[in-house]
Protein backbone atom coordinates (compact mmCIF):
# COMPACT_ATOMS: atom_id res chain seq x y z
CA MET A 1 -0.25 26.09 10.20
CA THR A 2 0.49 22.67 10.98
CA LEU A 3 -1.09 18.78 10.60
CA ALA A 4 -2.03 18.45 13.75
CA ASP A 5 -3.85 22.41 13.46
CA ILE A 6 -5.96 20.40 11.00
CA SER A 7 -6.59 17.00 12.53
CA ASN A 8 -9.82 16.28 13.46
CA GLY A 9 -9.97 12.55 14.83
CA PRO A 10 -8.27 11.27 17.48
CA ASP A 11 -4.42 9.97 17.14
CA TRP A 12 -5.37 6.02 17.63
CA VAL A 13 -6.86 6.13 14.19
CA ILE A 14 -3.41 6.69 12.17
CA TRP A 15 -1.46 4.38 14.83
CA VAL A 16 -4.67 1.14 13.74
CA THR A 17 -4.07 2.14 10.26
CA PHE A 18 -0.22 2.07 10.26
CA ILE A 19 -0.98 -1.62 12.21
CA VAL A 20 -3.03 -3.21 10.19
CA LEU A 21 -1.17 -2.22 6.59
CA GLY A 22 1.68 -3.37 8.78
CA ILE A 23 0.32 -6.97 9.17
CA LEU A 24 -1.29 -6.77 5.42
CA SER A 25 2.15 -5.70 3.82
CA ALA A 26 4.15 -8.23 5.65
CA VAL A 27 1.55 -11.14 4.83
CA LEU A 28 2.03 -10.31 0.89
CA LEU A 29 5.69 -9.74 1.23
CA SER A 30 6.27 -13.38 2.24
CA GLY A 31 4.24 -14.27 -0.82
CA ARG A 32 1.28 -15.67 0.68
CA GLY A 33 -1.57 -13.54 0.85
CA GLY A 34 -2.78 -13.91 -2.79
CA TRP A 35 -6.46 -13.82 -1.35
CA LEU A 36 -5.83 -10.24 -0.25
CA ILE A 37 -5.24 -9.01 -3.72
CA ALA A 38 -8.95 -8.58 -5.42
CA GLY A 39 -8.21 -8.83 -9.13
CA TYR A 40 -6.02 -11.59 -8.48
CA ASN A 41 -8.25 -13.08 -6.29
CA THR A 42 -11.32 -13.07 -8.29
CA ALA A 43 -9.65 -14.31 -11.57
CA SER A 44 -10.54 -17.25 -13.45
CA GLU A 45 -7.87 -20.22 -13.30
CA LYS A 46 -6.81 -19.73 -16.61
CA GLU A 47 -6.34 -16.23 -15.80
CA ARG A 48 -4.28 -16.64 -12.53
CA ALA A 49 -2.09 -18.79 -14.33
CA LYS A 50 -0.50 -16.12 -16.65
CA TYR A 51 0.66 -14.72 -13.54
CA ASP A 52 3.83 -15.64 -11.30
CA LYS A 53 2.03 -15.50 -7.60
CA LYS A 54 4.74 -14.77 -5.31
CA LYS A 55 6.48 -11.56 -7.54
CA LEU A 56 2.62 -10.39 -7.74
CA CYS A 57 2.47 -10.58 -3.66
CA ARG A 58 6.17 -9.21 -3.35
CA THR A 59 5.47 -6.68 -5.34
CA MET A 60 1.94 -5.82 -3.58
CA GLY A 61 3.30 -5.90 -0.45
CA ALA A 62 6.50 -3.79 -1.30
CA GLY A 63 3.74 -1.25 -2.64
CA LEU A 64 1.59 -1.67 0.41
CA ALA A 65 4.54 -0.94 2.71
CA ALA A 66 5.42 2.37 0.93
CA ALA A 67 2.15 3.57 1.57
CA ASP A 68 2.49 2.32 4.99
CA VAL A 69 5.88 3.79 5.44
CA LEU A 70 4.15 7.00 4.65
CA ILE A 71 1.42 6.98 7.10
CA LEU A 72 3.87 6.84 9.94
CA ILE A 73 5.90 9.72 8.87
CA LEU A 74 1.79 11.37 8.68
CA GLY A 75 1.79 9.87 12.56
CA LEU A 76 5.06 10.99 14.10
CA PHE A 77 5.57 14.23 12.78
CA GLU A 78 2.24 15.53 12.54
CA ASP A 79 2.91 18.26 14.78
CA VAL A 80 5.91 19.60 12.64
CA LEU A 81 4.50 18.64 8.85
CA PRO A 82 3.03 21.69 7.59
CA ALA A 83 -1.05 21.19 6.85
CA SER A 84 -0.13 21.04 2.82
CA PHE A 85 2.23 17.61 3.19
CA ALA A 86 -1.66 15.87 3.59
CA GLY A 87 -1.95 16.67 0.15
CA ILE A 88 1.78 15.83 -1.11
CA ALA A 89 0.82 12.28 0.92
CA ALA A 90 -2.35 11.78 -0.79
CA GLY A 91 -0.66 12.46 -4.41
CA LEU A 92 2.58 10.22 -3.39
CA ILE A 93 -0.31 7.42 -2.33
CA PHE A 94 -1.79 7.81 -5.44
CA ALA A 95 1.26 7.56 -7.29
CA ASP A 96 2.33 4.31 -5.25
CA CYS A 97 -1.02 2.56 -6.42
CA LEU A 98 -0.34 3.28 -9.96
CA VAL A 99 3.10 2.05 -9.55
CA MET A 100 1.81 -0.69 -8.37
CA ILE A 101 -0.69 -1.56 -10.91
CA VAL A 102 1.64 -0.96 -13.65
CA LEU A 103 4.11 -3.18 -12.32
CA GLY A 104 1.90 -5.85 -11.38
CA ASN A 105 0.26 -5.95 -15.20
CA THR A 106 3.61 -6.04 -16.24
CA ILE A 107 6.71 -7.83 -14.53
CA CYS A 108 4.70 -9.82 -12.73
CA LYS A 109 3.09 -11.50 -15.43
CA LYS A 110 4.76 -15.16 -16.83
CA LYS A 111 6.95 -15.16 -19.78
CA LYS A 112 5.82 -17.44 -22.28
């Protein structure tokens, strides 16, 4: 059984998701998408001063790009990938989110 066998929705959804995430990751990788990062976006000026905005944006953009590549793989190879790969992909995206959170709270903080 392949991913295509268990897919219920239209194929265009995966491609629209890929395009939207690609655009968002490009904005973040350019260092200009601070308004896209929820915790940073709503933080006070004092709290924002603790973080390197450009490094934070690039870290989040790289994590989003990794998830975007995984979605591209799912879309391109849905006819050959086993159905169990959906669970593996979900686990990889979850791990990617955890890595982004850890890196955002460690390497993206300004040194005192």
